[in-house]
Amino acid sequence: MSLTAYVFRIVGIHALGIEQLPGSPPHVLLGFLVAVTVFATLGSRLFARGPLQWLLGRAPRIAERVR
């Protein structure tokens, strides 16, 4: 779930357009912390692996079919 949480954070920062700010306000950082924690907690209870980890695990099988 860690890879998915990391990518979720990067996509969220880009979607909100806050990458241009010199420093993020504390409420934005707290919001990301809460959102990623809730997302990771729910995801780990529902699934054994995060969605990106699952895709990376499937990649070798898909590549074998392409060969």
PDB file of N, CA and C in Angstrom:
ATOM      1  N   MET A   1       0.816  -1.191   0.000  1.00  0.00           N
ATOM      2  CA  MET A   1       0.000   0.000   0.000  1.00  0.00           C
ATOM      3  C   MET A   1       0.864   1.261   0.000  1.00  0.00           C
ATOM      4  N   SER A   2       2.141   1.128   0.344  1.00  0.00           N
ATOM      5  CA  SER A   2       2.995   2.313   0.440  1.00  0.00           C
ATOM      6  C   SER A   2       3.216   2.978  -0.918  1.00  0.00           C
ATOM      7  N   LEU A   3       3.408   2.194  -1.971  1.00  0.00           N
ATOM      8  CA  LEU A   3       3.584   2.774  -3.300  1.00  0.00           C
ATOM      9  C   LEU A   3       2.319   3.505  -3.729  1.00  0.00           C
ATOM     10  N   THR A   4       1.179   2.925  -3.497  1.00  0.00           N
ATOM     11  CA  THR A   4      -0.085   3.548  -3.855  1.00  0.00           C
ATOM     12  C   THR A   4      -0.283   4.843  -3.076  1.00  0.00           C
ATOM     13  N   ALA A   5       0.032   4.842  -1.793  1.00  0.00           N
ATOM     14  CA  ALA A   5      -0.106   6.052  -0.979  1.00  0.00           C
ATOM     15  C   ALA A   5       0.836   7.143  -1.470  1.00  0.00           C
ATOM     16  N   TYR A   6       2.051   6.783  -1.836  1.00  0.00           N
ATOM     17  CA  TYR A   6       3.015   7.758  -2.335  1.00  0.00           C
ATOM     18  C   TYR A   6       2.517   8.385  -3.637  1.00  0.00           C
ATOM     19  N   VAL A   7       2.065   7.564  -4.568  1.00  0.00           N
ATOM     20  CA  VAL A   7       1.565   8.074  -5.846  1.00  0.00           C
ATOM     21  C   VAL A   7       0.298   8.899  -5.635  1.00  0.00           C
ATOM     22  N   PHE A   8      -0.572   8.475  -4.716  1.00  0.00           N
ATOM     23  CA  PHE A   8      -1.779   9.222  -4.381  1.00  0.00           C
ATOM     24  C   PHE A   8      -1.421  10.628  -3.910  1.00  0.00           C
ATOM     25  N   ARG A   9      -0.361  10.740  -3.106  1.00  0.00           N
ATOM     26  CA  ARG A   9       0.070  12.040  -2.603  1.00  0.00           C
ATOM     27  C   ARG A   9       0.585  12.913  -3.746  1.00  0.00           C
ATOM     28  N   ILE A  10       1.397  12.350  -4.624  1.00  0.00           N
ATOM     29  CA  ILE A  10       1.950  13.112  -5.750  1.00  0.00           C
ATOM     30  C   ILE A  10       0.834  13.583  -6.681  1.00  0.00           C
ATOM     31  N   VAL A  11      -0.103  12.713  -6.986  1.00  0.00           N
ATOM     32  CA  VAL A  11      -1.230  13.076  -7.863  1.00  0.00           C
ATOM     33  C   VAL A  11      -2.094  14.142  -7.191  1.00  0.00           C
ATOM     34  N   GLY A  12      -2.312  14.012  -5.890  1.00  0.00           N
ATOM     35  CA  GLY A  12      -3.097  15.007  -5.164  1.00  0.00           C
ATOM     36  C   GLY A  12      -2.448  16.375  -5.167  1.00  0.00           C
ATOM     37  N   ILE A  13      -1.145  16.420  -4.968  1.00  0.00           N
ATOM     38  CA  ILE A  13      -0.427  17.697  -5.000  1.00  0.00           C
ATOM     39  C   ILE A  13      -0.538  18.331  -6.377  1.00  0.00           C
ATOM     40  N   HIS A  14      -0.381  17.528  -7.407  1.00  0.00           N
ATOM     41  CA  HIS A  14      -0.489  18.049  -8.771  1.00  0.00           C
ATOM     42  C   HIS A  14      -1.917  18.494  -9.086  1.00  0.00           C
ATOM     43  N   ALA A  15      -2.904  17.704  -8.669  1.00  0.00           N
ATOM     44  CA  ALA A  15      -4.309  18.032  -8.963  1.00  0.00           C
ATOM     45  C   ALA A  15      -4.738  19.332  -8.282  1.00  0.00           C
ATOM     46  N   LEU A  16      -4.238  19.577  -7.079  1.00  0.00           N
ATOM     47  CA  LEU A  16      -4.578  20.805  -6.366  1.00  0.00           C
ATOM     48  C   LEU A  16      -3.731  21.994  -6.806  1.00  0.00           C
ATOM     49  N   GLY A  17      -2.696  21.737  -7.583  1.00  0.00           N
ATOM     50  CA  GLY A  17      -1.852  22.814  -8.090  1.00  0.00           C
ATOM     51  C   GLY A  17      -1.019  23.492  -7.022  1.00  0.00           C
ATOM     52  N   ILE A  18      -0.632  22.754  -5.988  1.00  0.00           N
ATOM     53  CA  ILE A  18       0.138  23.380  -4.913  1.00  0.00           C
ATOM     54  C   ILE A  18       1.630  23.119  -5.042  1.00  0.00           C
ATOM     55  N   GLU A  19       2.071  22.536  -6.161  1.00  0.00           N
ATOM     56  CA  GLU A  19       3.499  22.287  -6.301  1.00  0.00           C
ATOM     57  C   GLU A  19       4.271  23.581  -6.556  1.00  0.00           C
ATOM     58  N   GLN A  20       3.571  24.657  -6.942  1.00  0.00           N
ATOM     59  CA  GLN A  20       4.255  25.931  -7.180  1.00  0.00           C
ATOM     60  C   GLN A  20       4.493  26.711  -5.896  1.00  0.00           C
ATOM     61  N   LEU A  21       3.819  26.365  -4.828  1.00  0.00           N
ATOM     62  CA  LEU A  21       3.980  27.091  -3.578  1.00  0.00           C
ATOM     63  C   LEU A  21       5.348  26.811  -2.969  1.00  0.00           C
ATOM     64  N   PRO A  22       5.982  27.821  -2.369  1.00  0.00           N
ATOM     65  CA  PRO A  22       7.279  27.578  -1.743  1.00  0.00           C
ATOM     66  C   PRO A  22       7.188  26.680  -0.513  1.00  0.00           C
ATOM     67  N   GLY A  23       6.087  26.703   0.175  1.00  0.00           N
ATOM     68  CA  GLY A  23       5.869  25.848   1.343  1.00  0.00           C
ATOM     69  C   GLY A  23       4.381  25.617   1.498  1.00  0.00           C
ATOM     70  N   SER A  24       4.012  24.413   1.852  1.00  0.00           N
ATOM     71  CA  SER A  24       2.593  24.116   1.990  1.00  0.00           C
ATOM     72  C   SER A  24       2.096  24.563   3.361  1.00  0.00           C
ATOM     73  N   PRO A  25       0.895  25.133   3.419  1.00  0.00           N
ATOM     74  CA  PRO A  25       0.329  25.494   4.715  1.00  0.00           C
ATOM     75  C   PRO A  25       0.069  24.248   5.557  1.00  0.00           C
ATOM     76  N   PRO A  26       0.124  24.369   6.866  1.00  0.00           N
ATOM     77  CA  PRO A  26      -0.069  23.207   7.744  1.00  0.00           C
ATOM     78  C   PRO A  26      -1.399  22.486   7.536  1.00  0.00           C
ATOM     79  N   HIS A  27      -2.472  23.220   7.227  1.00  0.00           N
ATOM     80  CA  HIS A  27      -3.760  22.544   7.042  1.00  0.00           C
ATOM     81  C   HIS A  27      -3.771  21.673   5.786  1.00  0.00           C
ATOM     82  N   VAL A  28      -3.011  22.045   4.776  1.00  0.00           N
ATOM     83  CA  VAL A  28      -2.915  21.217   3.564  1.00  0.00           C
ATOM     84  C   VAL A  28      -2.134  19.943   3.876  1.00  0.00           C
ATOM     85  N   LEU A  29      -1.034  20.088   4.590  1.00  0.00           N
ATOM     86  CA  LEU A  29      -0.246  18.912   4.963  1.00  0.00           C
ATOM     87  C   LEU A  29      -1.039  17.969   5.860  1.00  0.00           C
ATOM     88  N   LEU A  30      -1.776  18.536   6.802  1.00  0.00           N
ATOM     89  CA  LEU A  30      -2.610  17.722   7.678  1.00  0.00           C
ATOM     90  C   LEU A  30      -3.706  17.015   6.881  1.00  0.00           C
ATOM     91  N   GLY A  31      -4.283  17.713   5.914  1.00  0.00           N
ATOM     92  CA  GLY A  31      -5.299  17.102   5.060  1.00  0.00           C
ATOM     93  C   GLY A  31      -4.754  15.919   4.282  1.00  0.00           C
ATOM     94  N   PHE A  32      -3.552  16.065   3.711  1.00  0.00           N
ATOM     95  CA  PHE A  32      -2.934  14.950   3.004  1.00  0.00           C
ATOM     96  C   PHE A  32      -2.632  13.796   3.947  1.00  0.00           C
ATOM     97  N   LEU A  33      -2.146  14.107   5.116  1.00  0.00           N
ATOM     98  CA  LEU A  33      -1.844  13.065   6.094  1.00  0.00           C
ATOM     99  C   LEU A  33      -3.092  12.271   6.452  1.00  0.00           C
ATOM    100  N   VAL A  34      -4.175  12.969   6.716  1.00  0.00           N
ATOM    101  CA  VAL A  34      -5.432  12.297   7.071  1.00  0.00           C
ATOM    102  C   VAL A  34      -5.961  11.485   5.894  1.00  0.00           C
ATOM    103  N   ALA A  35      -5.959  12.081   4.698  1.00  0.00           N
ATOM    104  CA  ALA A  35      -6.496  11.389   3.520  1.00  0.00           C
ATOM    105  C   ALA A  35      -5.703  10.127   3.198  1.00  0.00           C
ATOM    106  N   VAL A  36      -4.385  10.216   3.218  1.00  0.00           N
ATOM    107  CA  VAL A  36      -3.558   9.052   2.899  1.00  0.00           C
ATOM    108  C   VAL A  36      -3.692   7.984   3.981  1.00  0.00           C
ATOM    109  N   THR A  37      -3.782   8.399   5.243  1.00  0.00           N
ATOM    110  CA  THR A  37      -3.930   7.430   6.331  1.00  0.00           C
ATOM    111  C   THR A  37      -5.259   6.691   6.227  1.00  0.00           C
ATOM    112  N   VAL A  38      -6.337   7.414   5.965  1.00  0.00           N
ATOM    113  CA  VAL A  38      -7.651   6.776   5.814  1.00  0.00           C
ATOM    114  C   VAL A  38      -7.647   5.846   4.601  1.00  0.00           C
ATOM    115  N   PHE A  39      -7.115   6.324   3.492  1.00  0.00           N
ATOM    116  CA  PHE A  39      -7.058   5.526   2.266  1.00  0.00           C
ATOM    117  C   PHE A  39      -6.262   4.237   2.489  1.00  0.00           C
ATOM    118  N   ALA A  40      -5.092   4.352   3.123  1.00  0.00           N
ATOM    119  CA  ALA A  40      -4.241   3.180   3.348  1.00  0.00           C
ATOM    120  C   ALA A  40      -4.880   2.217   4.349  1.00  0.00           C
ATOM    121  N   THR A  41      -5.516   2.745   5.384  1.00  0.00           N
ATOM    122  CA  THR A  41      -6.154   1.880   6.381  1.00  0.00           C
ATOM    123  C   THR A  41      -7.315   1.109   5.769  1.00  0.00           C
ATOM    124  N   LEU A  42      -8.180   1.795   5.058  1.00  0.00           N
ATOM    125  CA  LEU A  42      -9.313   1.110   4.420  1.00  0.00           C
ATOM    126  C   LEU A  42      -8.832   0.133   3.350  1.00  0.00           C
ATOM    127  N   GLY A  43      -7.860   0.560   2.571  1.00  0.00           N
ATOM    128  CA  GLY A  43      -7.350  -0.314   1.516  1.00  0.00           C
ATOM    129  C   GLY A  43      -6.712  -1.576   2.061  1.00  0.00           C
ATOM    130  N   SER A  44      -5.975  -1.455   3.154  1.00  0.00           N
ATOM    131  CA  SER A  44      -5.330  -2.647   3.709  1.00  0.00           C
ATOM    132  C   SER A  44      -6.325  -3.580   4.379  1.00  0.00           C
ATOM    133  N   ARG A  45      -7.437  -3.062   4.820  1.00  0.00           N
ATOM    134  CA  ARG A  45      -8.475  -3.937   5.397  1.00  0.00           C
ATOM    135  C   ARG A  45      -9.273  -4.658   4.322  1.00  0.00           C
ATOM    136  N   LEU A  46      -9.425  -4.013   3.172  1.00  0.00           N
ATOM    137  CA  LEU A  46     -10.218  -4.605   2.093  1.00  0.00           C
ATOM    138  C   LEU A  46      -9.400  -5.468   1.144  1.00  0.00           C
ATOM    139  N   PHE A  47      -8.128  -5.120   0.967  1.00  0.00           N
ATOM    140  CA  PHE A  47      -7.291  -5.805  -0.017  1.00  0.00           C
ATOM    141  C   PHE A  47      -5.964  -6.202   0.614  1.00  0.00           C
ATOM    142  N   ALA A  48      -5.380  -7.277   0.100  1.00  0.00           N
ATOM    143  CA  ALA A  48      -4.089  -7.724   0.610  1.00  0.00           C
ATOM    144  C   ALA A  48      -2.958  -6.823   0.128  1.00  0.00           C
ATOM    145  N   ARG A  49      -3.121  -6.250  -1.064  1.00  0.00           N
ATOM    146  CA  ARG A  49      -2.100  -5.387  -1.655  1.00  0.00           C
ATOM    147  C   ARG A  49      -2.774  -4.148  -2.223  1.00  0.00           C
ATOM    148  N   GLY A  50      -2.000  -3.090  -2.335  1.00  0.00           N
ATOM    149  CA  GLY A  50      -2.506  -1.879  -2.960  1.00  0.00           C
ATOM    150  C   GLY A  50      -2.669  -2.072  -4.458  1.00  0.00           C
ATOM    151  N   PRO A  51      -3.438  -1.216  -5.109  1.00  0.00           N
ATOM    152  CA  PRO A  51      -3.675  -1.384  -6.548  1.00  0.00           C
ATOM    153  C   PRO A  51      -2.403  -1.308  -7.391  1.00  0.00           C
ATOM    154  N   LEU A  52      -1.493  -0.407  -7.061  1.00  0.00           N
ATOM    155  CA  LEU A  52      -0.258  -0.321  -7.842  1.00  0.00           C
ATOM    156  C   LEU A  52       0.660  -1.506  -7.580  1.00  0.00           C
ATOM    157  N   GLN A  53       0.685  -2.000  -6.352  1.00  0.00           N
ATOM    158  CA  GLN A  53       1.468  -3.189  -6.059  1.00  0.00           C
ATOM    159  C   GLN A  53       0.903  -4.386  -6.809  1.00  0.00           C
ATOM    160  N   TRP A  54      -0.404  -4.473  -6.903  1.00  0.00           N
ATOM    161  CA  TRP A  54      -1.046  -5.560  -7.632  1.00  0.00           C
ATOM    162  C   TRP A  54      -0.674  -5.493  -9.120  1.00  0.00           C
ATOM    163  N   LEU A  55      -0.717  -4.282  -9.689  1.00  0.00           N
ATOM    164  CA  LEU A  55      -0.350  -4.133 -11.098  1.00  0.00           C
ATOM    165  C   LEU A  55       1.107  -4.512 -11.341  1.00  0.00           C
ATOM    166  N   LEU A  56       1.984  -4.086 -10.447  1.00  0.00           N
ATOM    167  CA  LEU A  56       3.396  -4.451 -10.611  1.00  0.00           C
ATOM    168  C   LEU A  56       3.609  -5.952 -10.457  1.00  0.00           C
ATOM    169  N   GLY A  57       2.815  -6.588  -9.631  1.00  0.00           N
ATOM    170  CA  GLY A  57       2.899  -8.039  -9.497  1.00  0.00           C
ATOM    171  C   GLY A  57       2.398  -8.763 -10.733  1.00  0.00           C
ATOM    172  N   ARG A  58       1.452  -8.172 -11.434  1.00  0.00           N
ATOM    173  CA  ARG A  58       0.904  -8.773 -12.652  1.00  0.00           C
ATOM    174  C   ARG A  58       1.772  -8.510 -13.881  1.00  0.00           C
ATOM    175  N   ALA A  59       2.618  -7.508 -13.838  1.00  0.00           N
ATOM    176  CA  ALA A  59       3.410  -7.109 -15.007  1.00  0.00           C
ATOM    177  C   ALA A  59       4.242  -8.247 -15.595  1.00  0.00           C
ATOM    178  N   PRO A  60       4.938  -9.060 -14.801  1.00  0.00           N
ATOM    179  CA  PRO A  60       5.721 -10.154 -15.421  1.00  0.00           C
ATOM    180  C   PRO A  60       4.838 -11.170 -16.145  1.00  0.00           C
ATOM    181  N   ARG A  61       3.679 -11.443 -15.621  1.00  0.00           N
ATOM    182  CA  ARG A  61       2.770 -12.390 -16.287  1.00  0.00           C
ATOM    183  C   ARG A  61       2.289 -11.827 -17.617  1.00  0.00           C
ATOM    184  N   ILE A  62       1.989 -10.558 -17.635  1.00  0.00           N
ATOM    185  CA  ILE A  62       1.535  -9.913 -18.870  1.00  0.00           C
ATOM    186  C   ILE A  62       2.684  -9.889 -19.876  1.00  0.00           C
ATOM    187  N   ALA A  63       3.890  -9.593 -19.407  1.00  0.00           N
ATOM    188  CA  ALA A  63       5.052  -9.538 -20.301  1.00  0.00           C
ATOM    189  C   ALA A  63       5.351 -10.908 -20.918  1.00  0.00           C
ATOM    190  N   GLU A  64       5.132 -11.981 -20.162  1.00  0.00           N
ATOM    191  CA  GLU A  64       5.368 -13.319 -20.709  1.00  0.00           C
ATOM    192  C   GLU A  64       4.423 -13.614 -21.863  1.00  0.00           C
ATOM    193  N   ARG A  65       3.209 -13.123 -21.790  1.00  0.00           N
ATOM    194  CA  ARG A  65       2.241 -13.357 -22.871  1.00  0.00           C
ATOM    195  C   ARG A  65       2.591 -12.570 -24.114  1.00  0.00           C
ATOM    196  N   VAL A  66       3.236 -11.426 -23.951  1.00  0.00           N
ATOM    197  CA  VAL A  66       3.578 -10.586 -25.070  1.00  0.00           C
ATOM    198  C   VAL A  66       4.749 -11.177 -25.865  1.00  0.00           C
ATOM    199  N   ARG A  67       5.666 -11.844 -25.151  1.00  0.00           N
ATOM    200  CA  ARG A  67       6.838 -12.412 -25.827  1.00  0.00           C
ATOM    201  C   ARG A  67       6.472 -13.350 -26.861  1.00  0.00           C
TER     202      ARG A  67
END
